[in-house]
C-alpha atoms as a PDB file:
ATOM      1  CA  PRO A   1       1.136  25.252  -7.391  1.00  0.00           C
ATOM      2  CA  ASN A   2       3.132  28.184  -6.077  1.00  0.00           C
ATOM      3  CA  GLN A   3       6.358  29.978  -6.302  1.00  0.00           C
ATOM      4  CA  TYR A   4       8.165  27.549  -3.833  1.00  0.00           C
ATOM      5  CA  PRO A   5       6.722  24.015  -4.174  1.00  0.00           C
ATOM      6  CA  ARG A   6       9.522  22.183  -2.293  1.00  0.00           C
ATOM      7  CA  ALA A   7       9.381  24.347   0.644  1.00  0.00           C
ATOM      8  CA  THR A   8       5.531  24.062   0.816  1.00  0.00           C
ATOM      9  CA  TYR A   9       5.725  20.286   0.512  1.00  0.00           C
ATOM     10  CA  ALA A  10       8.372  20.068   3.235  1.00  0.00           C
ATOM     11  CA  ALA A  11       6.173  22.376   5.427  1.00  0.00           C
ATOM     12  CA  MET A  12       3.041  20.236   4.717  1.00  0.00           C
ATOM     13  CA  ILE A  13       4.892  17.294   5.840  1.00  0.00           C
ATOM     14  CA  SER A  14       6.183  19.068   9.005  1.00  0.00           C
ATOM     15  CA  LEU A  15       2.616  20.229   9.669  1.00  0.00           C
ATOM     16  CA  LEU A  16       1.121  16.625   9.279  1.00  0.00           C
ATOM     17  CA  ASP A  17       3.656  15.489  11.818  1.00  0.00           C
ATOM     18  CA  GLU A  18       2.789  18.210  14.273  1.00  0.00           C
ATOM     19  CA  TYR A  19      -1.035  17.269  13.718  1.00  0.00           C
ATOM     20  CA  VAL A  20      -0.499  13.593  14.549  1.00  0.00           C
ATOM     21  CA  GLY A  21       1.530  14.743  17.520  1.00  0.00           C
ATOM     22  CA  ASP A  22      -1.492  16.858  18.668  1.00  0.00           C
ATOM     23  CA  LEU A  23      -3.884  13.793  18.230  1.00  0.00           C
ATOM     24  CA  LEU A  24      -1.698  11.377  20.260  1.00  0.00           C
ATOM     25  CA  ALA A  25      -1.154  14.110  23.118  1.00  0.00           C
ATOM     26  CA  VAL A  26      -5.002  14.588  23.249  1.00  0.00           C
ATOM     27  CA  ARG A  27      -5.483  10.756  23.401  1.00  0.00           C
ATOM     28  CA  GLN A  28      -2.877  10.548  26.235  1.00  0.00           C
ATOM     29  CA  ARG A  29      -4.465  13.279  28.262  1.00  0.00           C
ATOM     30  CA  SER A  30      -7.745  11.682  27.864  1.00  0.00           C
ATOM     31  CA  GLY A  31      -6.415   8.389  29.255  1.00  0.00           C
ATOM     32  CA  LEU A  32      -7.201   6.567  25.983  1.00  0.00           C
ATOM     33  CA  ASP A  33      -3.472   5.933  24.889  1.00  0.00           C
ATOM     34  CA  LYS A  34      -3.357   2.326  26.249  1.00  0.00           C
ATOM     35  CA  GLY A  35      -6.589   1.144  24.804  1.00  0.00           C
ATOM     36  CA  THR A  36      -6.504   2.448  21.284  1.00  0.00           C
ATOM     37  CA  LEU A  37      -5.035   1.262  18.028  1.00  0.00           C
ATOM     38  CA  VAL A  38      -3.476   3.959  16.014  1.00  0.00           C
ATOM     39  CA  ILE A  39      -2.717   3.383  12.313  1.00  0.00           C
ATOM     40  CA  PHE A  40      -0.835   5.848  10.136  1.00  0.00           C
ATOM     41  CA  THR A  41      -0.845   5.020   6.462  1.00  0.00           C
ATOM     42  CA  THR A  42      -2.008   6.328   3.064  1.00  0.00           C
ATOM     43  CA  ASP A  43      -4.079   5.204   0.139  1.00  0.00           C
ATOM     44  CA  ASN A  44      -1.405   5.604  -2.664  1.00  0.00           C
ATOM     45  CA  GLY A  45       2.109   6.374  -3.541  1.00  0.00           C
ATOM     46  CA  ALA A  46       3.645   9.823  -4.064  1.00  0.00           C
ATOM     47  CA  ALA A  47       1.582  12.329  -5.812  1.00  0.00           C
ATOM     48  CA  VAL A  48       3.138  14.613  -8.547  1.00  0.00           C
ATOM     49  CA  VAL A  49       0.406  17.133  -8.983  1.00  0.00           C
ATOM     50  CA  GLY A  50       0.459  20.829  -7.844  1.00  0.00           C
ATOM     51  CA  GLY A  51       4.190  21.122  -8.317  1.00  0.00           C
ATOM     52  CA  ALA A  52       5.094  18.465  -6.003  1.00  0.00           C
ATOM     53  CA  ASP A  53       8.638  17.271  -6.599  1.00  0.00           C
ATOM     54  CA  ALA A  54       8.596  13.543  -5.661  1.00  0.00           C
ATOM     55  CA  ASP A  55      12.138  12.872  -7.102  1.00  0.00           C
ATOM     56  CA  TYR A  56      13.635  15.577  -5.113  1.00  0.00           C
ATOM     57  CA  PHE A  57      12.319  14.225  -1.909  1.00  0.00           C
ATOM     58  CA  GLU A  58      12.890  10.570  -2.955  1.00  0.00           C
ATOM     59  CA  CYS A  59       9.152   9.901  -1.916  1.00  0.00           C
ATOM     60  CA  SER A  60       9.177   6.384  -3.312  1.00  0.00           C
ATOM     61  CA  GLY A  61      12.737   5.440  -2.740  1.00  0.00           C
ATOM     62  CA  LYS A  62      13.795   3.361  -5.559  1.00  0.00           C
ATOM     63  CA  LEU A  63      10.311   1.955  -6.414  1.00  0.00           C
ATOM     64  CA  ARG A  64       8.943   2.378  -9.814  1.00  0.00           C
ATOM     65  CA  GLY A  65       5.823   4.584 -10.440  1.00  0.00           C
ATOM     66  CA  ARG A  66       3.956   7.303  -8.549  1.00  0.00           C
ATOM     67  CA  LYS A  67       0.347   7.939  -7.515  1.00  0.00           C
ATOM     68  CA  GLY A  68      -1.972   6.681 -10.368  1.00  0.00           C
ATOM     69  CA  SER A  69       0.336   3.796 -11.373  1.00  0.00           C
ATOM     70  CA  VAL A  70      -0.125   0.109 -10.639  1.00  0.00           C
ATOM     71  CA  TYR A  71       3.722  -0.312 -10.167  1.00  0.00           C
ATOM     72  CA  GLU A  72       5.036  -0.399  -6.507  1.00  0.00           C
ATOM     73  CA  GLY A  73       5.711   3.279  -6.258  1.00  0.00           C
ATOM     74  CA  GLY A  74       2.071   3.912  -6.843  1.00  0.00           C
ATOM     75  CA  ILE A  75       0.644   1.279  -4.503  1.00  0.00           C
ATOM     76  CA  ARG A  76       3.219   0.206  -1.825  1.00  0.00           C
ATOM     77  CA  VAL A  77       2.992   2.726   1.037  1.00  0.00           C
ATOM     78  CA  PRO A  78       4.042   3.186   4.588  1.00  0.00           C
ATOM     79  CA  PHE A  79       2.043   1.474   7.260  1.00  0.00           C
ATOM     80  CA  ILE A  80       2.682   2.269  10.937  1.00  0.00           C
ATOM     81  CA  ALA A  81       0.573   0.767  13.670  1.00  0.00           C
ATOM     82  CA  TRP A  82       0.930   1.727  17.299  1.00  0.00           C
ATOM     83  CA  TRP A  83      -0.929   0.041  20.400  1.00  0.00           C
ATOM     84  CA  PRO A  84       0.982   0.169  23.556  1.00  0.00           C
ATOM     85  CA  GLY A  85       0.861  -3.293  25.301  1.00  0.00           C
ATOM     86  CA  VAL A  86      -0.511  -5.003  22.263  1.00  0.00           C
ATOM     87  CA  ILE A  87       1.863  -4.293  19.375  1.00  0.00           C
ATOM     88  CA  LYS A  88       5.679  -5.080  20.199  1.00  0.00           C
ATOM     89  CA  PRO A  89       7.571  -1.815  19.902  1.00  0.00           C
ATOM     90  CA  GLY A  90      10.051  -1.812  16.933  1.00  0.00           C
ATOM     91  CA  SER A  91       8.549  -4.871  15.297  1.00  0.00           C
ATOM     92  CA  THR A  92       7.893  -5.372  11.567  1.00  0.00           C
ATOM     93  CA  SER A  93       5.961  -7.526   9.366  1.00  0.00           C
ATOM     94  CA  ASP A  94       6.067  -8.870   5.861  1.00  0.00           C
ATOM     95  CA  HIS A  95       2.416  -9.588   5.765  1.00  0.00           C
ATOM     96  CA  MET A  96       0.905  -8.556   2.360  1.00  0.00           C
ATOM     97  CA  CYS A  97      -2.097  -6.389   2.886  1.00  0.00           C
ATOM     98  CA  GLY A  98      -4.342  -3.913   1.232  1.00  0.00           C
ATOM     99  CA  ILE A  99      -5.989  -0.744   2.780  1.00  0.00           C
ATOM    100  CA  TRP A 100      -9.386  -2.619   2.338  1.00  0.00           C
ATOM    101  CA  ASP A 101      -8.151  -4.822   5.161  1.00  0.00           C
ATOM    102  CA  LEU A 102      -8.569  -1.894   7.735  1.00  0.00           C
ATOM    103  CA  MET A 103     -12.384  -2.294   8.153  1.00  0.00           C
ATOM    104  CA  PRO A 104     -12.294  -6.050   9.237  1.00  0.00           C
ATOM    105  CA  THR A 105      -9.364  -5.047  11.367  1.00  0.00           C
ATOM    106  CA  PHE A 106     -11.316  -2.348  13.161  1.00  0.00           C
ATOM    107  CA  LEU A 107     -14.229  -4.457  13.593  1.00  0.00           C
ATOM    108  CA  GLU A 108     -12.282  -7.169  15.063  1.00  0.00           C
ATOM    109  CA  VAL A 109     -10.648  -4.741  17.551  1.00  0.00           C
ATOM    110  CA  ALA A 110     -14.149  -3.507  18.538  1.00  0.00           C
ATOM    111  CA  GLY A 111     -15.432  -7.149  19.011  1.00  0.00           C
ATOM    112  CA  THR A 112     -17.799  -7.461  16.149  1.00  0.00           C
ATOM    113  CA  THR A 113     -17.874  -8.747  12.615  1.00  0.00           C
ATOM    114  CA  ALA A 114     -19.119  -7.498   9.300  1.00  0.00           C
ATOM    115  CA  THR A 115     -22.816  -7.903   8.681  1.00  0.00           C
ATOM    116  CA  ARG A 116     -22.134  -8.853   4.946  1.00  0.00           C
ATOM    117  CA  SER A 117     -19.363 -10.268   2.902  1.00  0.00           C
ATOM    118  CA  ILE A 118     -16.240  -7.935   2.358  1.00  0.00           C
ATOM    119  CA  ASP A 119     -12.946  -8.412   0.616  1.00  0.00           C
ATOM    120  CA  GLY A 120     -10.732  -7.544   3.441  1.00  0.00           C
ATOM    121  CA  LEU A 121      -9.101  -9.757   6.134  1.00  0.00           C
ATOM    122  CA  SER A 122      -8.483  -8.566   9.618  1.00  0.00           C
ATOM    123  CA  LEU A 123      -4.844  -7.702  10.210  1.00  0.00           C
ATOM    124  CA  LEU A 124      -5.189  -8.055  14.133  1.00  0.00           C
ATOM    125  CA  PRO A 125      -3.231 -11.379  14.228  1.00  0.00           C
ATOM    126  CA  ALA A 126      -0.325  -9.838  12.132  1.00  0.00           C
ATOM    127  CA  LEU A 127      -0.341  -6.750  14.554  1.00  0.00           C
ATOM    128  CA  LYS A 128      -0.143  -9.119  17.487  1.00  0.00           C
ATOM    129  CA  ASP A 129       2.569 -11.185  15.826  1.00  0.00           C
ATOM    130  CA  ASP A 130       0.095 -14.120  15.873  1.00  0.00           C
ATOM    131  CA  ASP A 131       0.652 -16.976  13.388  1.00  0.00           C
ATOM    132  CA  SER A 132      -3.085 -17.370  12.815  1.00  0.00           C
ATOM    133  CA  GLN A 133      -2.918 -14.525  10.361  1.00  0.00           C
ATOM    134  CA  LYS A 134      -4.987 -15.306   7.190  1.00  0.00           C
ATOM    135  CA  GLU A 135      -3.338 -14.478   3.858  1.00  0.00           C
ATOM    136  CA  HIS A 136      -4.761 -13.065   0.634  1.00  0.00           C
ATOM    137  CA  PRO A 137      -4.079 -15.561  -2.257  1.00  0.00           C
ATOM    138  CA  PHE A 138      -3.515 -12.360  -4.273  1.00  0.00           C
ATOM    139  CA  LEU A 139      -3.961  -8.549  -4.445  1.00  0.00           C
ATOM    140  CA  TYR A 140      -5.354  -6.894  -7.399  1.00  0.00           C
ATOM    141  CA  TRP A 141      -5.425  -3.245  -8.868  1.00  0.00           C
ATOM    142  CA  GLU A 142      -6.697  -1.699 -12.125  1.00  0.00           C
ATOM    143  CA  ARG A 143      -5.980   1.740 -13.564  1.00  0.00           C
ATOM    144  CA  HIS A 144      -7.688   3.316 -16.529  1.00  0.00           C
ATOM    145  CA  ASN A 145      -5.903   6.381 -17.946  1.00  0.00           C
ATOM    146  CA  ASN A 146      -7.879   9.576 -18.696  1.00  0.00           C
ATOM    147  CA  ALA A 147      -7.422   9.349 -22.448  1.00  0.00           C
ATOM    148  CA  GLY A 148      -9.200   5.885 -22.428  1.00  0.00           C
ATOM    149  CA  ASP A 149      -6.678   4.306 -24.982  1.00  0.00           C
ATOM    150  CA  ALA A 150      -4.829   2.175 -22.537  1.00  0.00           C
ATOM    151  CA  HIS A 151      -5.263   0.726 -19.135  1.00  0.00           C
ATOM    152  CA  THR A 152      -3.324  -1.489 -16.761  1.00  0.00           C
ATOM    153  CA  GLN A 153      -3.995  -4.248 -14.394  1.00  0.00           C
ATOM    154  CA  ALA A 154      -1.669  -5.703 -11.619  1.00  0.00           C
ATOM    155  CA  VAL A 155      -1.655  -8.657  -9.401  1.00  0.00           C
ATOM    156  CA  ARG A 156       0.575  -9.419  -6.454  1.00  0.00           C
ATOM    157  CA  PHE A 157       0.895 -13.016  -5.324  1.00  0.00           C
ATOM    158  CA  GLY A 158       3.675 -13.915  -2.793  1.00  0.00           C
ATOM    159  CA  ASP A 159       6.846 -12.464  -4.108  1.00  0.00           C
ATOM    160  CA  TRP A 160       5.493 -12.160  -7.653  1.00  0.00           C
ATOM    161  CA  LYS A 161       3.862  -9.165  -9.390  1.00  0.00           C
ATOM    162  CA  ALA A 162       2.421  -9.136 -12.823  1.00  0.00           C
ATOM    163  CA  VAL A 163       1.502  -6.041 -14.654  1.00  0.00           C
ATOM    164  CA  LYS A 164      -0.644  -6.224 -17.781  1.00  0.00           C
ATOM    165  CA  THR A 165      -0.844  -3.351 -20.155  1.00  0.00           C
ATOM    166  CA  TYR A 166      -3.793  -2.780 -22.742  1.00  0.00           C
ATOM    167  CA  LYS A 167      -3.378  -0.650 -25.659  1.00  0.00           C
ATOM    168  CA  LYS A 168      -5.120  -0.282 -29.020  1.00  0.00           C
ATOM    169  CA  ASN A 169      -2.565  -2.249 -30.769  1.00  0.00           C
ATOM    170  CA  GLY A 170      -2.613  -5.148 -28.231  1.00  0.00           C
ATOM    171  CA  THR A 171      -1.694  -6.208 -24.757  1.00  0.00           C
ATOM    172  CA  SER A 172       1.613  -7.012 -22.963  1.00  0.00           C
ATOM    173  CA  LEU A 173       2.241  -8.775 -19.641  1.00  0.00           C
ATOM    174  CA  ALA A 174       5.411  -8.348 -17.405  1.00  0.00           C
ATOM    175  CA  LEU A 175       6.315 -10.431 -14.418  1.00  0.00           C
ATOM    176  CA  TYR A 176       8.648  -9.230 -11.597  1.00  0.00           C
ATOM    177  CA  ASN A 177      10.070 -10.978  -8.517  1.00  0.00           C
ATOM    178  CA  LEU A 178       9.558  -8.257  -5.940  1.00  0.00           C
ATOM    179  CA  LYS A 179      11.914  -9.958  -3.468  1.00  0.00           C
ATOM    180  CA  GLU A 180      14.908  -9.771  -5.784  1.00  0.00           C
ATOM    181  CA  ASP A 181      13.550  -6.892  -7.898  1.00  0.00           C
ATOM    182  CA  PRO A 182      11.440  -4.306  -5.826  1.00  0.00           C
ATOM    183  CA  SER A 183      12.088  -1.614  -8.460  1.00  0.00           C
ATOM    184  CA  GLU A 184      10.476  -3.739 -11.071  1.00  0.00           C
ATOM    185  CA  GLN A 185      13.104  -3.315 -13.727  1.00  0.00           C
ATOM    186  CA  ASN A 186      13.530  -7.011 -14.759  1.00  0.00           C
ATOM    187  CA  ASP A 187      10.662  -8.594 -16.625  1.00  0.00           C
ATOM    188  CA  VAL A 188      11.139 -12.462 -16.161  1.00  0.00           C
ATOM    189  CA  SER A 189       7.828 -13.495 -17.798  1.00  0.00           C
ATOM    190  CA  ALA A 190       9.623 -15.375 -20.610  1.00  0.00           C
ATOM    191  CA  LYS A 191      11.417 -17.589 -18.015  1.00  0.00           C
ATOM    192  CA  GLN A 192       8.228 -18.221 -15.818  1.00  0.00           C
ATOM    193  CA  PRO A 193       5.381 -19.380 -18.226  1.00  0.00           C
ATOM    194  CA  GLU A 194       3.644 -21.275 -15.318  1.00  0.00           C
ATOM    195  CA  LEU A 195       3.567 -18.084 -13.131  1.00  0.00           C
ATOM    196  CA  VAL A 196       2.379 -15.961 -16.121  1.00  0.00           C
ATOM    197  CA  GLN A 197      -0.493 -18.413 -16.573  1.00  0.00           C
ATOM    198  CA  LYS A 198      -1.335 -18.216 -12.848  1.00  0.00           C
ATOM    199  CA  ALA A 199      -1.197 -14.443 -12.933  1.00  0.00           C
ATOM    200  CA  GLU A 200      -3.477 -14.419 -16.126  1.00  0.00           C
ATOM    201  CA  SER A 201      -5.986 -16.553 -14.215  1.00  0.00           C
ATOM    202  CA  TYR A 202      -5.977 -13.962 -11.284  1.00  0.00           C
ATOM    203  CA  LEU A 203      -6.401 -11.090 -13.796  1.00  0.00           C
END
């Protein structure tokens, strides 16, 4: 917290950009730029602590929620991968992944495998635009609030996302079609009982 939180946040973003540039420059000078995969991402959505004004900077765009939320604004994040000669410049992917997929990706890039079972799936085929990419049947998140009187679960499967809220007076489950409603404003659970049942089985 300080007197000029917006200016501080903007300066932090600019400094981060400079630092990334410095790292890439060192990599290039060392002759490692063509043989190294670079990934830039984060582990959660926009933070609102320390006076950060996420609304002013439109950090989550039109997505609902912030850091600490299981809505898309809390968990959907930028993911940029750069690997000259391997990743096609300007390409994009709709592949659904989690940050836990990074370890198996790095292991495969290094030419090895995990020594024990892990939850992640290598993203290397998706990065290479290869049709052999394995898909997660679903992705799962859970959040307990600090007061301990409520918590939420979320599960994403295909275009669908279910959010289940537990409170002292009961539970509720909302279902969203993220392809049509990325802002998670229209609960369609009443119209999709089979998908609700599927979501409950995952949860």
